[in-house]
PDB file of all heavy atoms in Angstrom:
ATOM      1  N   LEU A   1       8.973  -4.197   6.649  1.00  0.00           N
ATOM      2  CA  LEU A   1       9.447  -2.683   6.597  1.00  0.00           C
ATOM      3  C   LEU A   1      10.427  -2.448   7.658  1.00  0.00           C
ATOM      4  O   LEU A   1      11.485  -1.716   7.421  1.00  0.00           O
ATOM      5  CB  LEU A   1       8.301  -1.752   6.731  1.00  0.00           C
ATOM      6  CG  LEU A   1       7.178  -1.747   5.587  1.00  0.00           C
ATOM      7  CD1 LEU A   1       6.153  -0.841   5.850  1.00  0.00           C
ATOM      8  CD2 LEU A   1       7.853  -1.557   4.283  1.00  0.00           C
ATOM      9  N   THR A   2      10.247  -3.127   8.828  1.00  0.00           N
ATOM     10  CA  THR A   2      11.284  -2.888   9.861  1.00  0.00           C
ATOM     11  C   THR A   2      12.604  -3.348   9.532  1.00  0.00           C
ATOM     12  O   THR A   2      13.544  -2.826   9.789  1.00  0.00           O
ATOM     13  CB  THR A   2      10.767  -3.506  11.177  1.00  0.00           C
ATOM     14  OG1 THR A   2       9.388  -3.031  11.516  1.00  0.00           O
ATOM     15  CG2 THR A   2      11.680  -3.341  12.276  1.00  0.00           C
ATOM     16  N   GLY A   3      12.551  -4.649   8.895  1.00  0.00           N
ATOM     17  CA  GLY A   3      13.850  -5.170   8.419  1.00  0.00           C
ATOM     18  C   GLY A   3      14.610  -4.397   7.382  1.00  0.00           C
ATOM     19  O   GLY A   3      15.810  -4.116   7.393  1.00  0.00           O
ATOM     20  N   ARG A   4      13.757  -3.834   6.441  1.00  0.00           N
ATOM     21  CA  ARG A   4      14.467  -2.897   5.476  1.00  0.00           C
ATOM     22  C   ARG A   4      14.848  -1.650   6.047  1.00  0.00           C
ATOM     23  O   ARG A   4      15.991  -1.212   5.755  1.00  0.00           O
ATOM     24  CB  ARG A   4      13.362  -2.696   4.364  1.00  0.00           C
ATOM     25  CG  ARG A   4      13.071  -3.772   3.515  1.00  0.00           C
ATOM     26  CD  ARG A   4      11.999  -3.489   2.461  1.00  0.00           C
ATOM     27  NE  ARG A   4      11.702  -4.758   1.686  1.00  0.00           N
ATOM     28  CZ  ARG A   4      10.799  -4.766   0.835  1.00  0.00           C
ATOM     29  NH1 ARG A   4       9.972  -3.820   0.581  1.00  0.00           N
ATOM     30  NH2 ARG A   4      10.563  -5.932   0.252  1.00  0.00           N
ATOM     31  N   ALA A   5      14.227  -1.177   7.018  1.00  0.00           N
ATOM     32  CA  ALA A   5      14.552   0.218   7.506  1.00  0.00           C
ATOM     33  C   ALA A   5      15.958  -0.087   8.459  1.00  0.00           C
ATOM     34  O   ALA A   5      16.758   0.774   8.356  1.00  0.00           O
ATOM     35  CB  ALA A   5      13.480   0.723   8.558  1.00  0.00           C
ATOM     36  N   ARG A   6      15.980  -1.127   9.211  1.00  0.00           N
ATOM     37  CA  ARG A   6      17.116  -1.353   9.864  1.00  0.00           C
ATOM     38  C   ARG A   6      18.295  -1.649   8.940  1.00  0.00           C
ATOM     39  O   ARG A   6      19.393  -1.057   9.307  1.00  0.00           O
ATOM     40  CB  ARG A   6      16.862  -2.696  10.730  1.00  0.00           C
ATOM     41  CG  ARG A   6      18.098  -3.078  11.631  1.00  0.00           C
ATOM     42  CD  ARG A   6      17.837  -4.316  12.343  1.00  0.00           C
ATOM     43  NE  ARG A   6      16.621  -4.632  12.966  1.00  0.00           N
ATOM     44  CZ  ARG A   6      15.691  -5.470  12.407  1.00  0.00           C
ATOM     45  NH1 ARG A   6      15.949  -6.183  11.412  1.00  0.00           N
ATOM     46  NH2 ARG A   6      14.587  -5.659  12.957  1.00  0.00           N
ATOM     47  N   THR A   7      18.137  -2.347   7.960  1.00  0.00           N
ATOM     48  CA  THR A   7      19.268  -2.534   7.038  1.00  0.00           C
ATOM     49  C   THR A   7      19.781  -1.264   6.405  1.00  0.00           C
ATOM     50  O   THR A   7      21.003  -1.043   6.255  1.00  0.00           O
ATOM     51  CB  THR A   7      18.793  -3.569   5.820  1.00  0.00           C
ATOM     52  OG1 THR A   7      18.390  -4.673   6.467  1.00  0.00           O
ATOM     53  CG2 THR A   7      19.868  -3.849   4.928  1.00  0.00           C
ATOM     54  N   MET A   8      18.842  -0.363   6.040  1.00  0.00           N
ATOM     55  CA  MET A   8      19.285   0.870   5.461  1.00  0.00           C
ATOM     56  C   MET A   8      20.034   1.801   6.574  1.00  0.00           C
ATOM     57  O   MET A   8      21.074   2.372   6.134  1.00  0.00           O
ATOM     58  CB  MET A   8      17.997   1.730   4.987  1.00  0.00           C
ATOM     59  CG  MET A   8      17.400   1.216   3.706  1.00  0.00           C
ATOM     60  SD  MET A   8      16.158   2.263   2.985  1.00  0.00           S
ATOM     61  CE  MET A   8      14.728   1.906   3.968  1.00  0.00           C
ATOM     62  N   LEU A   9      19.556   1.789   7.785  1.00  0.00           N
ATOM     63  CA  LEU A   9      20.274   2.538   8.737  1.00  0.00           C
ATOM     64  C   LEU A   9      21.651   1.918   9.022  1.00  0.00           C
ATOM     65  O   LEU A   9      22.632   2.755   9.019  1.00  0.00           O
ATOM     66  CB  LEU A   9      19.520   2.374  10.168  1.00  0.00           C
ATOM     67  CG  LEU A   9      18.296   3.233  10.261  1.00  0.00           C
ATOM     68  CD1 LEU A   9      17.657   3.015  11.554  1.00  0.00           C
ATOM     69  CD2 LEU A   9      18.586   4.781  10.192  1.00  0.00           C
ATOM     70  N   LEU A  10      21.795   0.705   9.046  1.00  0.00           N
ATOM     71  CA  LEU A  10      23.163   0.044   9.367  1.00  0.00           C
ATOM     72  C   LEU A  10      24.039   0.216   8.109  1.00  0.00           C
ATOM     73  O   LEU A  10      25.214   0.621   8.237  1.00  0.00           O
ATOM     74  CB  LEU A  10      22.939  -1.375   9.658  1.00  0.00           C
ATOM     75  CG  LEU A  10      22.306  -1.780  10.906  1.00  0.00           C
ATOM     76  CD1 LEU A  10      21.994  -3.223  11.094  1.00  0.00           C
ATOM     77  CD2 LEU A  10      23.135  -1.282  12.036  1.00  0.00           C
ATOM     78  N   ALA A  11      23.545   0.112   6.871  1.00  0.00           N
ATOM     79  CA  ALA A  11      24.427   0.267   5.622  1.00  0.00           C
ATOM     80  C   ALA A  11      24.852   1.644   5.552  1.00  0.00           C
ATOM     81  O   ALA A  11      25.899   1.818   5.033  1.00  0.00           O
ATOM     82  CB  ALA A  11      23.499  -0.253   4.417  1.00  0.00           C
ATOM     83  N   ALA A  12      24.018   2.524   5.877  1.00  0.00           N
ATOM     84  CA  ALA A  12      24.440   4.040   5.800  1.00  0.00           C
ATOM     85  C   ALA A  12      25.238   4.586   6.976  1.00  0.00           C
ATOM     86  O   ALA A  12      25.985   5.694   6.853  1.00  0.00           O
ATOM     87  CB  ALA A  12      23.095   4.889   5.748  1.00  0.00           C
ATOM     88  N   GLY A  13      25.305   3.728   8.094  1.00  0.00           N
ATOM     89  CA  GLY A  13      25.978   4.230   9.211  1.00  0.00           C
ATOM     90  C   GLY A  13      25.232   5.275  10.046  1.00  0.00           C
ATOM     91  O   GLY A  13      25.846   6.062  10.800  1.00  0.00           O
ATOM     92  N   ALA A  14      23.929   5.402   9.847  1.00  0.00           N
ATOM     93  CA  ALA A  14      23.124   6.340  10.376  1.00  0.00           C
ATOM     94  C   ALA A  14      22.811   6.004  11.862  1.00  0.00           C
ATOM     95  O   ALA A  14      22.730   4.813  12.148  1.00  0.00           O
ATOM     96  CB  ALA A  14      21.757   6.608   9.594  1.00  0.00           C
ATOM     97  N   SER A  15      22.545   6.996  12.618  1.00  0.00           N
ATOM     98  CA  SER A  15      22.181   6.734  14.022  1.00  0.00           C
ATOM     99  C   SER A  15      20.695   6.289  14.052  1.00  0.00           C
ATOM    100  O   SER A  15      19.921   6.504  13.080  1.00  0.00           O
ATOM    101  CB  SER A  15      22.277   7.934  14.932  1.00  0.00           C
ATOM    102  OG  SER A  15      21.280   8.901  14.526  1.00  0.00           O
ATOM    103  N   GLN A  16      20.203   5.611  15.124  1.00  0.00           N
ATOM    104  CA  GLN A  16      18.897   5.169  15.226  1.00  0.00           C
ATOM    105  C   GLN A  16      17.965   6.366  15.412  1.00  0.00           C
ATOM    106  O   GLN A  16      16.740   6.138  15.146  1.00  0.00           O
ATOM    107  CB  GLN A  16      18.609   4.288  16.468  1.00  0.00           C
ATOM    108  CG  GLN A  16      19.373   2.955  16.303  1.00  0.00           C
ATOM    109  CD  GLN A  16      19.168   1.991  17.519  1.00  0.00           C
ATOM    110  OE1 GLN A  16      18.409   2.280  18.467  1.00  0.00           O
ATOM    111  NE2 GLN A  16      19.806   0.860  17.608  1.00  0.00           N
ATOM    112  N   GLY A  17      18.368   7.538  15.389  1.00  0.00           N
ATOM    113  CA  GLY A  17      17.445   8.741  15.513  1.00  0.00           C
ATOM    114  C   GLY A  17      16.827   8.948  14.121  1.00  0.00           C
ATOM    115  O   GLY A  17      15.831   9.705  13.992  1.00  0.00           O
ATOM    116  N   PHE A  18      17.384   8.271  12.989  1.00  0.00           N
ATOM    117  CA  PHE A  18      16.851   8.455  11.792  1.00  0.00           C
ATOM    118  C   PHE A  18      15.913   7.320  11.420  1.00  0.00           C
ATOM    119  O   PHE A  18      15.610   7.086  10.239  1.00  0.00           O
ATOM    120  CB  PHE A  18      17.977   8.628  10.760  1.00  0.00           C
ATOM    121  CG  PHE A  18      18.624   9.960  10.814  1.00  0.00           C
ATOM    122  CD1 PHE A  18      19.803  10.138  11.551  1.00  0.00           C
ATOM    123  CD2 PHE A  18      18.119  10.979  10.118  1.00  0.00           C
ATOM    124  CE1 PHE A  18      20.442  11.383  11.652  1.00  0.00           C
ATOM    125  CE2 PHE A  18      18.731  12.296  10.270  1.00  0.00           C
ATOM    126  CZ  PHE A  18      19.900  12.487  10.953  1.00  0.00           C
ATOM    127  N   TRP A  19      15.419   6.536  12.415  1.00  0.00           N
ATOM    128  CA  TRP A  19      14.547   5.294  12.151  1.00  0.00           C
ATOM    129  C   TRP A  19      13.258   5.663  11.399  1.00  0.00           C
ATOM    130  O   TRP A  19      12.937   4.990  10.518  1.00  0.00           O
ATOM    131  CB  TRP A  19      14.471   4.578  13.360  1.00  0.00           C
ATOM    132  CG  TRP A  19      13.328   5.165  14.306  1.00  0.00           C
ATOM    133  CD1 TRP A  19      13.563   5.960  15.275  1.00  0.00           C
ATOM    134  CD2 TRP A  19      11.963   5.034  14.175  1.00  0.00           C
ATOM    135  NE1 TRP A  19      12.591   6.393  15.934  1.00  0.00           N
ATOM    136  CE2 TRP A  19      11.340   5.913  15.339  1.00  0.00           C
ATOM    137  CE3 TRP A  19      11.076   4.381  13.371  1.00  0.00           C
ATOM    138  CZ2 TRP A  19      10.062   5.824  15.391  1.00  0.00           C
ATOM    139  CZ3 TRP A  19       9.762   4.542  13.529  1.00  0.00           C
ATOM    140  CH2 TRP A  19       9.177   5.308  14.551  1.00  0.00           C
ATOM    141  N   SER A  20      12.691   6.825  11.772  1.00  0.00           N
ATOM    142  CA  SER A  20      11.393   7.172  11.142  1.00  0.00           C
ATOM    143  C   SER A  20      11.606   7.400   9.665  1.00  0.00           C
ATOM    144  O   SER A  20      10.751   7.146   8.823  1.00  0.00           O
ATOM    145  CB  SER A  20      10.756   8.310  11.811  1.00  0.00           C
ATOM    146  OG  SER A  20      11.533   9.508  11.885  1.00  0.00           O
ATOM    147  N   GLU A  21      12.802   8.163   9.316  1.00  0.00           N
ATOM    148  CA  GLU A  21      13.032   8.396   7.873  1.00  0.00           C
ATOM    149  C   GLU A  21      13.327   7.127   7.172  1.00  0.00           C
ATOM    150  O   GLU A  21      12.863   6.971   6.035  1.00  0.00           O
ATOM    151  CB  GLU A  21      14.115   9.350   7.632  1.00  0.00           C
ATOM    152  CG  GLU A  21      13.767  10.901   8.042  1.00  0.00           C
ATOM    153  CD  GLU A  21      13.634  11.211   9.501  1.00  0.00           C
ATOM    154  OE1 GLU A  21      14.221  10.416  10.410  1.00  0.00           O
ATOM    155  OE2 GLU A  21      12.872  12.034   9.800  1.00  0.00           O
ATOM    156  N   SER A  22      14.154   6.227   7.717  1.00  0.00           N
ATOM    157  CA  SER A  22      14.385   5.005   7.070  1.00  0.00           C
ATOM    158  C   SER A  22      13.067   4.144   6.829  1.00  0.00           C
ATOM    159  O   SER A  22      13.054   3.529   5.860  1.00  0.00           O
ATOM    160  CB  SER A  22      15.543   4.170   7.830  1.00  0.00           C
ATOM    161  OG  SER A  22      15.070   3.661   8.917  1.00  0.00           O
ATOM    162  N   PHE A  23      12.222   4.157   7.914  1.00  0.00           N
ATOM    163  CA  PHE A  23      10.992   3.454   7.847  1.00  0.00           C
ATOM    164  C   PHE A  23      10.031   3.813   6.791  1.00  0.00           C
ATOM    165  O   PHE A  23       9.516   3.223   5.972  1.00  0.00           O
ATOM    166  CB  PHE A  23      10.240   3.387   9.202  1.00  0.00           C
ATOM    167  CG  PHE A  23       9.223   2.324   9.320  1.00  0.00           C
ATOM    168  CD1 PHE A  23       9.468   1.042   9.788  1.00  0.00           C
ATOM    169  CD2 PHE A  23       7.937   2.590   8.923  1.00  0.00           C
ATOM    170  CE1 PHE A  23       8.588   0.093   9.794  1.00  0.00           C
ATOM    171  CE2 PHE A  23       6.985   1.642   9.092  1.00  0.00           C
ATOM    172  CZ  PHE A  23       7.236   0.376   9.506  1.00  0.00           C
ATOM    173  N   ALA A  24      10.033   5.405   6.755  1.00  0.00           N
ATOM    174  CA  ALA A  24       9.243   5.893   5.602  1.00  0.00           C
ATOM    175  C   ALA A  24       9.707   5.694   4.241  1.00  0.00           C
ATOM    176  O   ALA A  24       8.942   5.419   3.340  1.00  0.00           O
ATOM    177  CB  ALA A  24       9.134   7.489   5.896  1.00  0.00           C
ATOM    178  N   TYR A  25      11.027   5.604   4.070  1.00  0.00           N
ATOM    179  CA  TYR A  25      11.633   5.391   2.822  1.00  0.00           C
ATOM    180  C   TYR A  25      11.321   3.916   2.325  1.00  0.00           C
ATOM    181  O   TYR A  25      11.083   3.493   1.300  1.00  0.00           O
ATOM    182  CB  TYR A  25      12.973   5.746   2.760  1.00  0.00           C
ATOM    183  CG  TYR A  25      13.608   5.723   1.286  1.00  0.00           C
ATOM    184  CD1 TYR A  25      12.942   6.405   0.266  1.00  0.00           C
ATOM    185  CD2 TYR A  25      14.864   5.183   0.967  1.00  0.00           C
ATOM    186  CE1 TYR A  25      13.525   6.411  -1.080  1.00  0.00           C
ATOM    187  CE2 TYR A  25      15.400   5.102  -0.264  1.00  0.00           C
ATOM    188  CZ  TYR A  25      14.665   5.754  -1.287  1.00  0.00           C
ATOM    189  OH  TYR A  25      15.127   5.858  -2.553  1.00  0.00           O
ATOM    190  N   ALA A  26      11.541   3.016   3.375  1.00  0.00           N
ATOM    191  CA  ALA A  26      11.168   1.555   3.092  1.00  0.00           C
ATOM    192  C   ALA A  26       9.681   1.391   2.739  1.00  0.00           C
ATOM    193  O   ALA A  26       9.457   0.570   1.972  1.00  0.00           O
ATOM    194  CB  ALA A  26      11.469   0.743   4.437  1.00  0.00           C
ATOM    195  N   ARG A  27       8.745   2.190   3.383  1.00  0.00           N
ATOM    196  CA  ARG A  27       7.414   2.035   2.935  1.00  0.00           C
ATOM    197  C   ARG A  27       7.300   2.493   1.488  1.00  0.00           C
ATOM    198  O   ARG A  27       6.521   1.971   0.675  1.00  0.00           O
ATOM    199  CB  ARG A  27       6.477   2.846   3.872  1.00  0.00           C
ATOM    200  CG  ARG A  27       5.142   2.805   3.683  1.00  0.00           C
ATOM    201  CD  ARG A  27       4.288   3.870   4.336  1.00  0.00           C
ATOM    202  NE  ARG A  27       4.590   5.207   3.681  1.00  0.00           N
ATOM    203  CZ  ARG A  27       4.952   6.245   4.496  1.00  0.00           C
ATOM    204  NH1 ARG A  27       4.939   6.295   5.731  1.00  0.00           N
ATOM    205  NH2 ARG A  27       5.277   7.347   3.833  1.00  0.00           N
ATOM    206  N   HIS A  28       7.949   3.640   1.226  1.00  0.00           N
ATOM    207  CA  HIS A  28       7.959   4.186  -0.101  1.00  0.00           C
ATOM    208  C   HIS A  28       8.347   3.229  -1.220  1.00  0.00           C
ATOM    209  O   HIS A  28       7.758   3.013  -2.214  1.00  0.00           O
ATOM    210  CB  HIS A  28       8.661   5.508  -0.255  1.00  0.00           C
ATOM    211  CG  HIS A  28       8.764   6.086  -1.686  1.00  0.00           C
ATOM    212  ND1 HIS A  28       7.753   6.815  -2.099  1.00  0.00           N
ATOM    213  CD2 HIS A  28       9.674   5.937  -2.610  1.00  0.00           C
ATOM    214  CE1 HIS A  28       8.110   7.308  -3.362  1.00  0.00           C
ATOM    215  NE2 HIS A  28       9.261   6.722  -3.707  1.00  0.00           N
ATOM    216  N   ILE A  29       9.514   2.582  -0.860  1.00  0.00           N
ATOM    217  CA  ILE A  29      10.002   1.504  -1.809  1.00  0.00           C
ATOM    218  C   ILE A  29       8.994   0.423  -1.850  1.00  0.00           C
ATOM    219  O   ILE A  29       8.734  -0.119  -2.967  1.00  0.00           O
ATOM    220  CB  ILE A  29      11.424   0.950  -1.284  1.00  0.00           C
ATOM    221  CG1 ILE A  29      12.466   2.176  -1.377  1.00  0.00           C
ATOM    222  CG2 ILE A  29      11.811  -0.298  -2.043  1.00  0.00           C
ATOM    223  CD1 ILE A  29      13.766   1.839  -0.719  1.00  0.00           C
ATOM    224  N   HIS A  30       8.471  -0.109  -0.763  1.00  0.00           N
ATOM    225  CA  HIS A  30       7.442  -1.110  -0.861  1.00  0.00           C
ATOM    226  C   HIS A  30       6.314  -0.843  -1.690  1.00  0.00           C
ATOM    227  O   HIS A  30       5.687  -1.688  -2.401  1.00  0.00           O
ATOM    228  CB  HIS A  30       6.945  -1.487   0.626  1.00  0.00           C
ATOM    229  CG  HIS A  30       6.146  -2.541   0.751  1.00  0.00           C
ATOM    230  ND1 HIS A  30       6.570  -3.904   0.730  1.00  0.00           N
ATOM    231  CD2 HIS A  30       4.725  -2.671   0.920  1.00  0.00           C
ATOM    232  CE1 HIS A  30       5.553  -4.739   0.827  1.00  0.00           C
ATOM    233  NE2 HIS A  30       4.350  -4.066   0.935  1.00  0.00           N
ATOM    234  N   ASN A  31       5.738   0.455  -1.501  1.00  0.00           N
ATOM    235  CA  ASN A  31       4.570   0.826  -2.307  1.00  0.00           C
ATOM    236  C   ASN A  31       4.873   0.999  -3.815  1.00  0.00           C
ATOM    237  O   ASN A  31       3.845   1.135  -4.552  1.00  0.00           O
ATOM    238  CB  ASN A  31       4.012   2.073  -1.739  1.00  0.00           C
ATOM    239  CG  ASN A  31       3.265   1.884  -0.383  1.00  0.00           C
ATOM    240  OD1 ASN A  31       2.876   0.674  -0.038  1.00  0.00           O
ATOM    241  ND2 ASN A  31       3.263   2.898   0.420  1.00  0.00           N
ATOM    242  N   ASN A  32       6.151   1.084  -4.091  1.00  0.00           N
ATOM    243  CA  ASN A  32       6.560   1.282  -5.577  1.00  0.00           C
ATOM    244  C   ASN A  32       7.311  -0.004  -6.016  1.00  0.00           C
ATOM    245  O   ASN A  32       8.049   0.126  -7.003  1.00  0.00           O
ATOM    246  CB  ASN A  32       7.402   2.572  -5.724  1.00  0.00           C
ATOM    247  CG  ASN A  32       6.557   3.808  -5.505  1.00  0.00           C
ATOM    248  OD1 ASN A  32       5.841   4.187  -6.476  1.00  0.00           O
ATOM    249  ND2 ASN A  32       6.548   4.329  -4.295  1.00  0.00           N
ATOM    250  N   THR A  33       6.991  -1.027  -5.523  1.00  0.00           N
ATOM    251  CA  THR A  33       7.594  -2.437  -5.842  1.00  0.00           C
ATOM    252  C   THR A  33       6.377  -3.319  -6.361  1.00  0.00           C
ATOM    253  O   THR A  33       5.341  -3.303  -5.804  1.00  0.00           O
ATOM    254  CB  THR A  33       8.212  -3.025  -4.637  1.00  0.00           C
ATOM    255  OG1 THR A  33       9.414  -2.310  -4.345  1.00  0.00           O
ATOM    256  CG2 THR A  33       8.928  -4.290  -5.164  1.00  0.00           C
ATOM    257  N   ALA A  34       6.627  -4.014  -7.406  1.00  0.00           N
ATOM    258  CA  ALA A  34       5.645  -4.800  -8.060  1.00  0.00           C
ATOM    259  C   ALA A  34       5.114  -6.120  -7.093  1.00  0.00           C
ATOM    260  O   ALA A  34       6.180  -6.615  -6.497  1.00  0.00           O
ATOM    261  CB  ALA A  34       5.985  -5.386  -9.367  1.00  0.00           C
ATOM    262  N   HIS A  35       3.911  -6.376  -6.758  1.00  0.00           N
ATOM    263  CA  HIS A  35       3.507  -7.370  -5.948  1.00  0.00           C
ATOM    264  C   HIS A  35       2.670  -8.473  -6.758  1.00  0.00           C
ATOM    265  O   HIS A  35       1.935  -8.139  -7.621  1.00  0.00           O
ATOM    266  CB  HIS A  35       2.712  -6.885  -4.759  1.00  0.00           C
ATOM    267  CG  HIS A  35       3.366  -5.996  -3.997  1.00  0.00           C
ATOM    268  ND1 HIS A  35       4.173  -6.368  -2.969  1.00  0.00           N
ATOM    269  CD2 HIS A  35       3.543  -4.639  -3.914  1.00  0.00           C
ATOM    270  CE1 HIS A  35       4.736  -5.323  -2.296  1.00  0.00           C
ATOM    271  NE2 HIS A  35       4.352  -4.253  -2.901  1.00  0.00           N
ATOM    272  N   ALA A  36       2.941  -9.748  -6.513  1.00  0.00           N
ATOM    273  CA  ALA A  36       2.218 -10.803  -7.175  1.00  0.00           C
ATOM    274  C   ALA A  36       0.712 -10.766  -6.959  1.00  0.00           C
ATOM    275  O   ALA A  36      -0.040 -10.950  -7.918  1.00  0.00           O
ATOM    276  CB  ALA A  36       2.760 -12.188  -6.859  1.00  0.00           C
ATOM    277  N   ARG A  37       0.328 -10.473  -5.731  1.00  0.00           N
ATOM    278  CA  ARG A  37      -1.188 -10.491  -5.381  1.00  0.00           C
ATOM    279  C   ARG A  37      -1.835  -9.415  -6.268  1.00  0.00           C
ATOM    280  O   ARG A  37      -3.206  -9.602  -6.256  1.00  0.00           O
ATOM    281  CB  ARG A  37      -1.309 -10.256  -3.963  1.00  0.00           C
ATOM    282  CG  ARG A  37      -0.805 -11.410  -3.108  1.00  0.00           C
ATOM    283  CD  ARG A  37      -1.114 -11.403  -1.822  1.00  0.00           C
ATOM    284  NE  ARG A  37      -2.603 -11.615  -1.698  1.00  0.00           N
ATOM    285  CZ  ARG A  37      -3.245 -12.148  -0.671  1.00  0.00           C
ATOM    286  NH1 ARG A  37      -2.594 -12.233   0.388  1.00  0.00           N
ATOM    287  NH2 ARG A  37      -4.510 -12.314  -0.598  1.00  0.00           N
ATOM    288  N   ILE A  38      -1.412  -8.443  -6.850  1.00  0.00           N
ATOM    289  CA  ILE A  38      -2.117  -7.495  -7.704  1.00  0.00           C
ATOM    290  C   ILE A  38      -1.592  -7.447  -9.047  1.00  0.00           C
ATOM    291  O   ILE A  38      -1.621  -6.432  -9.707  1.00  0.00           O
ATOM    292  CB  ILE A  38      -1.999  -5.989  -6.931  1.00  0.00           C
ATOM    293  CG1 ILE A  38      -0.597  -5.534  -6.674  1.00  0.00           C
ATOM    294  CG2 ILE A  38      -2.814  -6.010  -5.704  1.00  0.00           C
ATOM    295  CD1 ILE A  38      -0.394  -4.226  -6.179  1.00  0.00           C
ATOM    296  N   GLY A  39      -1.243  -8.747  -9.586  1.00  0.00           N
ATOM    297  CA  GLY A  39      -0.887  -8.816 -10.982  1.00  0.00           C
ATOM    298  C   GLY A  39       0.415  -8.253 -11.426  1.00  0.00           C
ATOM    299  O   GLY A  39       0.546  -7.694 -12.347  1.00  0.00           O
ATOM    300  N   TRP A  40       1.482  -8.257 -10.536  1.00  0.00           N
ATOM    301  CA  TRP A  40       2.674  -7.703 -10.644  1.00  0.00           C
ATOM    302  C   TRP A  40       2.704  -6.216 -10.991  1.00  0.00           C
ATOM    303  O   TRP A  40       3.457  -5.628 -11.769  1.00  0.00           O
ATOM    304  CB  TRP A  40       3.449  -8.449 -11.662  1.00  0.00           C
ATOM    305  CG  TRP A  40       3.807  -9.792 -11.182  1.00  0.00           C
ATOM    306  CD1 TRP A  40       3.183 -10.945 -11.597  1.00  0.00           C
ATOM    307  CD2 TRP A  40       4.759 -10.121 -10.174  1.00  0.00           C
ATOM    308  NE1 TRP A  40       3.794 -12.068 -10.910  1.00  0.00           N
ATOM    309  CE2 TRP A  40       4.657 -11.564  -9.873  1.00  0.00           C
ATOM    310  CE3 TRP A  40       5.482  -9.427  -9.311  1.00  0.00           C
ATOM    311  CZ2 TRP A  40       5.400 -12.284  -8.952  1.00  0.00           C
ATOM    312  CZ3 TRP A  40       6.365 -10.110  -8.349  1.00  0.00           C
ATOM    313  CH2 TRP A  40       6.231 -11.561  -8.173  1.00  0.00           C
ATOM    314  N   ARG A  41       1.695  -5.473 -10.392  1.00  0.00           N
ATOM    315  CA  ARG A  41       1.690  -4.037 -10.464  1.00  0.00           C
ATOM    316  C   ARG A  41       2.135  -3.503  -9.107  1.00  0.00           C
ATOM    317  O   ARG A  41       2.229  -4.223  -8.114  1.00  0.00           O
ATOM    318  CB  ARG A  41       0.221  -3.496 -10.850  1.00  0.00           C
ATOM    319  CG  ARG A  41      -0.122  -3.971 -12.235  1.00  0.00           C
ATOM    320  CD  ARG A  41      -1.642  -3.673 -12.423  1.00  0.00           C
ATOM    321  NE  ARG A  41      -2.415  -4.379 -11.579  1.00  0.00           N
ATOM    322  CZ  ARG A  41      -3.713  -4.147 -11.249  1.00  0.00           C
ATOM    323  NH1 ARG A  41      -4.298  -3.106 -11.947  1.00  0.00           N
ATOM    324  NH2 ARG A  41      -4.479  -4.772 -10.502  1.00  0.00           N
ATOM    325  N   THR A  42       2.395  -2.208  -8.954  1.00  0.00           N
ATOM    326  CA  THR A  42       2.751  -1.593  -7.674  1.00  0.00           C
ATOM    327  C   THR A  42       1.418  -1.086  -7.003  1.00  0.00           C
ATOM    328  O   THR A  42       0.515  -0.697  -7.729  1.00  0.00           O
ATOM    329  CB  THR A  42       3.719  -0.507  -7.988  1.00  0.00           C
ATOM    330  OG1 THR A  42       3.112   0.623  -8.611  1.00  0.00           O
ATOM    331  CG2 THR A  42       5.002  -0.946  -8.638  1.00  0.00           C
ATOM    332  N   PRO A  43       1.467  -1.118  -5.673  1.00  0.00           N
ATOM    333  CA  PRO A  43       0.325  -0.622  -4.976  1.00  0.00           C
ATOM    334  C   PRO A  43       0.123   0.887  -5.351  1.00  0.00           C
ATOM    335  O   PRO A  43      -1.074   1.401  -5.556  1.00  0.00           O
ATOM    336  CB  PRO A  43       0.777  -0.706  -3.429  1.00  0.00           C
ATOM    337  CG  PRO A  43       1.717  -1.796  -3.493  1.00  0.00           C
ATOM    338  CD  PRO A  43       2.432  -1.728  -4.752  1.00  0.00           C
ATOM    339  N   ALA A  44       1.165   1.738  -5.563  1.00  0.00           N
ATOM    340  CA  ALA A  44       0.996   3.069  -5.980  1.00  0.00           C
ATOM    341  C   ALA A  44       0.357   3.226  -7.270  1.00  0.00           C
ATOM    342  O   ALA A  44      -0.550   4.185  -7.496  1.00  0.00           O
ATOM    343  CB  ALA A  44       2.375   3.747  -5.855  1.00  0.00           C
ATOM    344  N   SER A  45       0.724   2.507  -8.249  1.00  0.00           N
ATOM    345  CA  SER A  45       0.176   2.566  -9.551  1.00  0.00           C
ATOM    346  C   SER A  45      -1.322   2.201  -9.548  1.00  0.00           C
ATOM    347  O   SER A  45      -2.115   2.641 -10.247  1.00  0.00           O
ATOM    348  CB  SER A  45       0.931   1.785 -10.623  1.00  0.00           C
ATOM    349  OG  SER A  45       0.851   0.522 -10.237  1.00  0.00           O
ATOM    350  N   VAL A  46      -1.629   1.180  -8.690  1.00  0.00           N
ATOM    351  CA  VAL A  46      -3.007   0.698  -8.641  1.00  0.00           C
ATOM    352  C   VAL A  46      -3.869   1.701  -7.985  1.00  0.00           C
ATOM    353  O   VAL A  46      -4.988   2.095  -8.472  1.00  0.00           O
ATOM    354  CB  VAL A  46      -3.208  -0.673  -7.821  1.00  0.00           C
ATOM    355  CG1 VAL A  46      -4.557  -0.968  -7.496  1.00  0.00           C
ATOM    356  CG2 VAL A  46      -2.567  -1.722  -8.578  1.00  0.00           C
ATOM    357  N   LEU A  47      -3.371   2.414  -6.935  1.00  0.00           N
ATOM    358  CA  LEU A  47      -4.127   3.502  -6.092  1.00  0.00           C
ATOM    359  C   LEU A  47      -4.292   4.717  -6.990  1.00  0.00           C
ATOM    360  O   LEU A  47      -5.276   5.303  -7.079  1.00  0.00           O
ATOM    361  CB  LEU A  47      -3.391   3.631  -4.880  1.00  0.00           C
ATOM    362  CG  LEU A  47      -4.101   4.678  -3.934  1.00  0.00           C
ATOM    363  CD1 LEU A  47      -5.458   4.175  -3.546  1.00  0.00           C
ATOM    364  CD2 LEU A  47      -3.335   4.787  -2.651  1.00  0.00           C
ATOM    365  N   PHE A  48      -3.069   5.196  -7.575  1.00  0.00           N
ATOM    366  CA  PHE A  48      -3.251   6.450  -8.256  1.00  0.00           C
ATOM    367  C   PHE A  48      -3.257   6.471  -9.735  1.00  0.00           C
ATOM    368  O   PHE A  48      -3.513   7.492 -10.445  1.00  0.00           O
ATOM    369  CB  PHE A  48      -1.885   7.250  -7.885  1.00  0.00           C
ATOM    370  CG  PHE A  48      -1.747   7.449  -6.501  1.00  0.00           C
ATOM    371  CD1 PHE A  48      -0.580   6.873  -5.921  1.00  0.00           C
ATOM    372  CD2 PHE A  48      -2.640   8.332  -5.620  1.00  0.00           C
ATOM    373  CE1 PHE A  48      -0.458   7.041  -4.382  1.00  0.00           C
ATOM    374  CE2 PHE A  48      -2.514   8.396  -4.444  1.00  0.00           C
ATOM    375  CZ  PHE A  48      -1.414   7.818  -3.679  1.00  0.00           C
TER     376      PHE A  48
END
């Protein structure tokens, strides 16, 4: 998540003051991405 958040900040040209928003969005993307350990389903779809 830290790597994804850093990449988003740098790609957008955003200041480090927006790190919490980029980290939260990286978490959102991670939770809505299919994972092999749960049968290629997303954590959000399994939970909700």
